[in-house]
Protein backbone atom coordinates (compact mmCIF):
# COMPACT_ATOMS: atom_id res chain seq x y z
CA MET A 1 117.05 117.07 114.91
CA LYS A 2 115.05 119.87 113.31
CA ASP A 3 117.62 120.61 110.59
CA ASN A 4 119.13 117.14 110.24
CA PRO A 5 117.02 113.99 110.82
CA TYR A 6 120.13 111.95 111.73
CA TRP A 7 122.81 112.20 114.43
CA GLU A 8 125.64 109.78 115.22
CA GLY A 9 128.41 110.03 117.77
CA SER A 10 129.81 108.92 121.09
CA PRO A 11 128.02 109.30 124.43
CA THR A 12 130.71 111.82 125.41
CA ALA A 13 129.95 113.90 122.31
CA LEU A 14 126.22 113.79 123.10
CA VAL A 15 126.81 115.00 126.67
CA ALA A 16 128.99 117.84 125.36
CA LEU A 17 126.41 118.75 122.70
CA MET A 18 123.59 118.86 125.24
CA ASN A 19 125.75 120.69 127.79
CA VAL A 20 124.48 118.65 130.75
CA ASP A 21 126.30 117.39 133.82
CA ILE A 22 125.82 113.63 133.49
CA GLN A 23 128.21 110.73 133.00
CA PRO A 24 128.23 109.37 129.41
CA HIS A 25 127.55 105.80 130.53
CA VAL A 26 124.52 106.96 132.52
CA ILE A 27 122.97 108.73 129.54
CA THR A 28 123.49 105.62 127.41
CA ARG A 29 121.81 103.44 130.04
CA LYS A 30 118.85 105.84 130.31
CA LEU A 31 118.44 106.02 126.54
CA ASN A 32 118.46 102.22 126.25
CA VAL A 33 115.67 101.99 128.82
CA LEU A 34 113.61 104.86 127.36
CA ALA A 35 114.11 104.16 123.63
CA GLY A 36 110.49 103.04 123.17
CA ARG A 37 109.18 106.18 124.81
CA LEU A 38 111.48 108.37 122.70
CA TYR A 39 109.98 106.80 119.58
CA ALA A 40 106.38 106.87 120.78
CA GLU A 41 106.44 110.50 121.88
CA HIS A 42 108.80 112.06 119.33
CA GLY A 43 109.18 109.58 116.44
CA ILE A 44 112.94 109.35 117.05
CA LEU A 45 114.62 105.97 116.71
CA PHE A 46 117.68 105.20 118.82
CA ARG A 47 120.41 102.58 118.52
CA SER A 48 123.46 102.03 120.66
CA GLU A 49 126.25 99.77 119.50
CA ARG A 50 129.77 98.84 120.44
CA VAL A 51 132.44 99.54 117.84
CA HIS A 52 136.21 99.26 117.92
CA GLU A 53 136.60 102.90 118.99
CA GLY A 54 134.05 102.55 121.81
CA ARG A 55 130.32 103.05 122.10
CA LYS A 56 128.37 104.72 119.26
CA LEU A 57 124.91 106.25 119.54
CA ARG A 58 122.62 106.85 116.57
CA PHE A 59 119.43 108.86 116.44
CA TRP A 60 117.23 109.28 113.40
CA LYS A 61 113.77 110.58 112.71
CA ASP A 62 111.23 108.07 111.49
CA ASN A 63 109.73 109.55 108.34
CA THR A 64 107.49 106.56 107.62
CA GLN A 65 104.83 107.67 110.09
CA ASN A 66 104.00 110.63 107.84
CA ALA A 67 103.39 108.41 104.82
């Protein structure tokens, strides 16, 4: 997130990117529960949605708090 304030992809892609040993559905569940904390502590917004291809995760940095 340092170079690009936006990331979008599947839970499987996120697990591969982070190189952790966790099931994709588990990371999605945890992120849904901790989304408020992620925003409060790091200013990162999170959205999970269901699309035709499967589940899609989106992260983006909130730049309005600096204004």
